[in-house]
Amino acid sequence: MEKQGGPRQISRVGVFHFGGCDKGDPVASLEVSLSEAETFQGDLSNCLIVLPEAFNIRTEYDRDCRPEGEICCALRDLSVRRNVALVVGLLESSGEGKPYNSAFLIDGDFYALLSRKISDGGKGVYRFPEDTDNATAIAHGGVCVAGLICMDAKMFCQRGEWFGRLREKLRSTACARRVLCVPARFSDIDPEELTQCFHLPGVTIAISNGNSLHASLIVPRSGKRLPFKDSETKSLSPICSRSDMDRGWLTGQLTAWRGGQKAGA
């Protein structure tokens, strides 16, 4: 499902770490964190913000979780009001029992599927798509955007033919800047270790984790890893500017951005 909206020029990339926070109202937590981020970073217009996996379930990830469509609608409204683009993991109806576990790019009226999860996390929550090699890359706002859900990122590293095709899709557009977004709920894998298996020179990797056991992470184009987390529940979230994506390092101060409370609170 895709709807076309007005184009924006994406100027920065950020991640929302949703680890040790109350997940009862994820959009409200995101709103509070964006407001706090603006006090440090100023206007966040034209940011691409990566959100975690299964962001629309209002709870921890287990067999009883159910997707809520109004959260998706609220994210599209937030995108318009905040003038930001989002990559988010959502459980979406398959029409046949269990939902798909999918990554979407949302930018106001623009709503595009990036991939559906194919790896089994052992929780029995979601349905597997028939097309296992379904990940794509979309040129949007001057940036080529791809998205993989959680453990799919590891699987793509292990399956060279899939990874090669996704790499070619990222390279196939005229965009000078490319980003691989990973909405996740990592509990058993350290995202920093995972990114060491990627061979994507010139591609920024942004991992948004919804679990307090591991950090979220941005790896700019140079490959310098920038994790942000100072305890199981306190995180610092960098926002990477366009020039930072080029040079591979962050300027300015890190932003307190941990799901509704300032780091150190």
Protein backbone atom coordinates (compact mmCIF):
# COMPACT_ATOMS: atom_id res chain seq x y z
CA MET A 1 0.00 0.00 0.00
CA GLU A 2 1.52 3.31 -1.05
CA LYS A 3 0.25 6.84 -1.20
CA GLN A 4 2.15 9.66 -2.79
CA GLY A 5 2.68 12.93 -0.95
CA GLY A 6 4.75 16.04 -1.37
CA PRO A 7 8.54 15.48 -1.46
CA ARG A 8 10.84 16.65 1.30
CA GLN A 9 14.63 16.82 1.32
CA ILE A 10 15.83 14.65 4.18
CA SER A 11 18.68 16.42 5.94
CA ARG A 12 19.36 14.30 9.04
CA VAL A 13 18.92 10.77 10.36
CA GLY A 14 18.06 9.90 13.94
CA VAL A 15 16.85 6.92 15.99
CA PHE A 16 14.33 6.62 18.80
CA HIS A 17 15.55 4.25 21.54
CA PHE A 18 12.47 2.76 23.20
CA GLY A 19 14.20 0.49 25.70
CA GLY A 20 13.24 0.92 29.32
CA CYS A 21 10.15 3.04 28.73
CA ASP A 22 6.44 2.52 29.30
CA LYS A 23 5.16 1.12 26.01
CA GLY A 24 1.48 1.77 26.78
CA ASP A 25 1.39 4.86 24.57
CA PRO A 26 4.33 4.70 22.15
CA VAL A 27 3.32 7.72 20.08
CA ALA A 28 3.00 9.92 23.19
CA SER A 29 6.47 8.77 24.31
CA LEU A 30 7.83 9.64 20.89
CA GLU A 31 6.15 13.07 20.98
CA VAL A 32 7.70 13.89 24.36
CA SER A 33 11.12 12.78 23.21
CA LEU A 34 10.94 14.81 20.02
CA SER A 35 10.02 17.89 22.04
CA GLU A 36 12.99 17.27 24.33
CA ALA A 37 15.26 16.69 21.36
CA GLU A 38 14.27 20.06 19.92
CA THR A 39 15.57 21.79 23.05
CA PHE A 40 19.03 20.40 22.23
CA GLN A 41 19.01 20.18 18.43
CA GLY A 42 16.56 22.90 17.44
CA ASP A 43 14.02 22.33 14.69
CA LEU A 44 13.88 18.66 13.66
CA SER A 45 12.16 19.34 10.33
CA ASN A 46 13.31 17.08 7.50
CA CYS A 47 14.78 14.45 9.78
CA LEU A 48 14.34 10.76 8.97
CA ILE A 49 13.68 9.09 12.33
CA VAL A 50 13.89 5.32 12.74
CA LEU A 51 11.49 3.72 15.25
CA PRO A 52 11.59 0.18 16.70
CA GLU A 53 9.98 -3.06 15.60
CA ALA A 54 6.29 -3.77 16.38
CA PHE A 55 5.74 -0.16 17.42
CA ASN A 56 1.95 -0.54 17.28
CA ILE A 57 1.30 -3.12 20.02
CA ARG A 58 1.43 -1.00 23.23
CA THR A 59 3.21 -3.77 25.13
CA GLU A 60 6.23 -6.04 25.19
CA TYR A 61 6.64 -8.45 22.32
CA ASP A 62 4.86 -11.77 23.04
CA ARG A 63 2.24 -14.15 21.66
CA ASP A 64 -0.68 -12.07 22.96
CA CYS A 65 0.25 -8.79 21.29
CA ARG A 66 -2.17 -7.36 18.74
CA PRO A 67 -1.58 -4.61 16.16
CA GLU A 68 -3.48 -1.34 16.54
CA GLY A 69 -4.25 0.59 13.37
CA GLU A 70 -4.77 3.91 15.09
CA ILE A 71 -1.07 4.05 16.01
CA CYS A 72 -0.18 4.05 12.33
CA CYS A 73 -2.66 6.88 11.74
CA ALA A 74 -1.16 8.80 14.66
CA LEU A 75 2.34 8.38 13.21
CA ARG A 76 1.23 9.80 9.88
CA ASP A 77 -0.31 12.76 11.69
CA LEU A 78 2.88 13.23 13.71
CA SER A 79 4.91 13.15 10.51
CA VAL A 80 2.86 16.04 9.10
CA ARG A 81 2.85 18.13 12.28
CA ARG A 82 6.54 17.62 13.02
CA ASN A 83 7.62 17.75 9.38
CA VAL A 84 9.63 14.53 9.74
CA ALA A 85 9.80 11.22 7.89
CA LEU A 86 9.65 7.92 9.78
CA VAL A 87 10.81 4.36 9.22
CA VAL A 88 8.93 2.12 11.63
CA GLY A 89 8.30 -1.55 12.34
CA LEU A 90 4.57 -2.35 12.42
CA LEU A 91 2.51 -5.50 12.75
CA GLU A 92 0.08 -5.28 9.82
CA SER A 93 -2.95 -7.40 9.01
CA SER A 94 -2.30 -10.25 6.59
CA GLY A 95 -6.01 -10.98 6.21
CA GLU A 96 -5.29 -14.57 7.26
CA GLY A 97 -4.83 -14.84 11.00
CA LYS A 98 -1.41 -13.75 12.22
CA PRO A 99 -0.17 -10.32 11.07
CA TYR A 100 2.91 -9.59 8.99
CA ASN A 101 5.87 -7.97 10.75
CA SER A 102 6.83 -5.16 8.40
CA ALA A 103 9.03 -2.10 7.93
CA PHE A 104 7.35 1.01 6.48
CA LEU A 105 8.49 4.42 5.35
CA ILE A 106 5.95 7.06 6.42
CA ASP A 107 6.11 10.68 5.34
CA GLY A 108 2.74 12.37 5.66
CA ASP A 109 0.61 10.94 2.85
CA PHE A 110 3.53 8.89 1.55
CA TYR A 111 3.30 5.35 2.96
CA ALA A 112 5.48 2.60 1.50
CA LEU A 113 6.39 -0.97 2.44
CA LEU A 114 10.15 -1.58 2.69
CA SER A 115 10.15 -5.25 3.76
CA ARG A 116 8.30 -7.99 5.63
CA LYS A 117 10.14 -10.02 8.24
CA ILE A 118 11.14 -13.52 7.22
CA SER A 119 13.25 -14.68 10.20
CA ASP A 120 11.65 -16.53 13.10
CA GLY A 121 12.15 -14.92 16.49
CA GLY A 122 10.55 -17.91 18.21
CA LYS A 123 7.58 -15.97 19.59
CA GLY A 124 4.96 -17.17 17.13
CA VAL A 125 3.53 -13.66 16.78
CA TYR A 126 3.64 -12.99 13.06
CA ARG A 127 3.05 -14.56 9.66
CA PHE A 128 5.81 -15.14 7.12
CA PRO A 129 5.40 -13.64 3.63
CA GLU A 130 5.43 -15.92 0.60
CA ASP A 131 8.15 -13.78 -1.02
CA THR A 132 11.16 -14.27 1.24
CA ASP A 133 13.39 -11.99 -0.84
CA ASN A 134 11.04 -9.03 -0.48
CA ALA A 135 13.25 -6.18 0.78
CA THR A 136 13.38 -3.10 -1.42
CA ALA A 137 14.95 0.35 -1.47
CA ILE A 138 13.07 3.59 -2.20
CA ALA A 139 14.43 6.95 -3.29
CA HIS A 140 12.73 9.56 -1.13
CA GLY A 141 13.73 13.07 -0.16
CA GLY A 142 17.11 12.83 -1.81
CA VAL A 143 18.03 9.67 0.14
CA CYS A 144 17.77 6.00 -0.87
CA VAL A 145 16.03 4.23 2.03
CA ALA A 146 15.92 0.49 2.77
CA GLY A 147 14.54 -1.27 5.84
CA LEU A 148 14.99 -4.68 7.47
CA ILE A 149 13.24 -5.87 10.64
CA CYS A 150 15.47 -6.97 13.54
CA MET A 151 16.91 -10.47 12.93
CA ASP A 152 16.39 -10.14 9.18
CA ALA A 153 19.45 -7.88 9.21
CA LYS A 154 21.53 -10.80 10.52
CA MET A 155 19.91 -13.22 8.06
CA PHE A 156 20.69 -10.95 5.12
CA CYS A 157 24.32 -10.81 6.23
CA GLN A 158 24.43 -14.62 6.28
CA ARG A 159 22.72 -15.06 2.89
CA GLY A 160 25.05 -13.47 0.41
CA GLU A 161 22.70 -13.57 -2.57
CA TRP A 162 19.92 -11.69 -0.71
CA PHE A 163 22.35 -9.20 0.75
CA GLY A 164 23.91 -8.65 -2.66
CA ARG A 165 20.53 -7.89 -4.23
CA LEU A 166 19.62 -5.43 -1.47
CA ARG A 167 23.01 -3.75 -1.84
CA GLU A 168 22.39 -3.36 -5.56
CA LYS A 169 18.94 -1.90 -4.90
CA LEU A 170 20.52 0.68 -2.60
CA ARG A 171 23.01 1.55 -5.32
CA SER A 172 20.52 1.56 -8.19
CA THR A 173 19.12 5.06 -7.60
CA ALA A 174 20.75 8.37 -8.40
CA CYS A 175 20.75 9.33 -4.69
CA ALA A 176 24.17 10.24 -3.33
CA ARG A 177 23.10 9.30 0.22
CA ARG A 178 21.84 5.89 1.29
CA VAL A 179 20.54 4.58 4.61
CA LEU A 180 19.63 1.10 5.82
CA CYS A 181 17.09 1.34 8.65
CA VAL A 182 16.63 -1.53 11.12
CA PRO A 183 13.57 -1.33 13.41
CA ALA A 184 14.32 -3.94 16.08
CA ARG A 185 13.68 -5.43 19.50
CA PHE A 186 17.10 -6.99 20.05
CA SER A 187 17.48 -8.90 23.30
CA ASP A 188 19.99 -11.64 22.44
CA ILE A 189 22.15 -9.83 19.89
CA ASP A 190 24.27 -6.74 20.38
CA PRO A 191 23.52 -4.37 17.47
CA GLU A 192 27.09 -3.13 17.54
CA GLU A 193 28.37 -6.65 16.89
CA LEU A 194 25.76 -7.20 14.20
CA THR A 195 26.82 -4.19 12.17
CA GLN A 196 30.37 -5.54 11.96
CA CYS A 197 29.15 -8.15 9.45
CA PHE A 198 27.74 -5.52 7.09
CA HIS A 199 29.75 -4.65 4.00
CA LEU A 200 27.96 -1.52 2.89
CA PRO A 201 30.53 1.21 2.25
CA GLY A 202 28.87 4.56 1.74
CA VAL A 203 25.63 3.50 3.46
CA THR A 204 24.51 4.88 6.83
CA ILE A 205 23.01 2.19 9.10
CA ALA A 206 20.44 3.25 11.72
CA ILE A 207 19.22 0.66 14.26
CA SER A 208 16.34 1.58 16.58
CA ASN A 209 16.01 -0.90 19.43
CA GLY A 210 12.87 -1.40 21.52
CA ASN A 211 14.62 -3.44 24.21
CA SER A 212 16.55 -2.08 27.17
CA LEU A 213 19.18 -4.84 27.08
CA HIS A 214 21.02 -3.34 24.12
CA ALA A 215 21.63 0.08 22.66
CA SER A 216 20.33 1.63 19.51
CA LEU A 217 23.01 2.59 17.03
CA ILE A 218 23.94 4.80 14.09
CA VAL A 219 26.83 3.79 11.85
CA PRO A 220 27.61 6.70 9.49
CA ARG A 221 28.94 6.22 6.00
CA SER A 222 32.56 5.89 7.10
CA GLY A 223 31.76 2.86 9.27
CA LYS A 224 32.60 4.52 12.60
CA ARG A 225 30.13 3.03 15.10
CA LEU A 226 28.20 5.40 17.36
CA PRO A 227 26.24 3.45 19.98
CA PHE A 228 24.38 5.43 22.61
CA LYS A 229 23.41 3.99 25.92
CA ASP A 230 24.76 4.63 29.40
CA SER A 231 22.76 2.02 31.32
CA GLU A 232 19.97 -0.48 30.73
CA THR A 233 17.37 2.27 30.71
CA LYS A 234 19.22 5.49 29.86
CA SER A 235 20.23 6.28 26.33
CA LEU A 236 21.69 9.10 24.30
CA SER A 237 20.40 9.39 20.77
CA PRO A 238 22.54 10.99 18.07
CA ILE A 239 21.08 12.79 15.10
CA CYS A 240 23.28 12.48 12.04
CA SER A 241 23.25 15.41 9.62
CA ARG A 242 23.68 15.16 5.88
CA SER A 243 27.25 16.38 6.11
CA ASP A 244 27.86 13.90 8.91
CA MET A 245 26.60 11.12 6.65
CA ASP A 246 29.25 12.21 4.18
CA ARG A 247 32.13 12.56 6.62
CA GLY A 248 31.11 9.76 8.99
CA TRP A 249 31.10 11.64 12.27
CA LEU A 250 28.67 13.61 14.40
CA THR A 251 28.85 17.30 15.17
CA GLY A 252 27.05 19.06 17.97
CA GLN A 253 25.94 17.47 21.21
CA LEU A 254 24.14 14.19 21.62
CA THR A 255 20.43 14.49 22.30
CA ALA A 256 18.69 13.16 25.40
CA TRP A 257 16.07 11.02 23.73
CA ARG A 258 14.84 7.93 25.53
CA GLY A 259 11.11 7.55 25.17
CA GLY A 260 9.76 10.36 27.27
CA GLN A 261 12.40 10.99 29.96
CA LYS A 262 15.69 12.82 29.82
CA ALA A 263 18.82 10.78 30.22
CA GLY A 264 19.89 11.01 33.83
CA ALA A 265 16.34 11.64 35.08
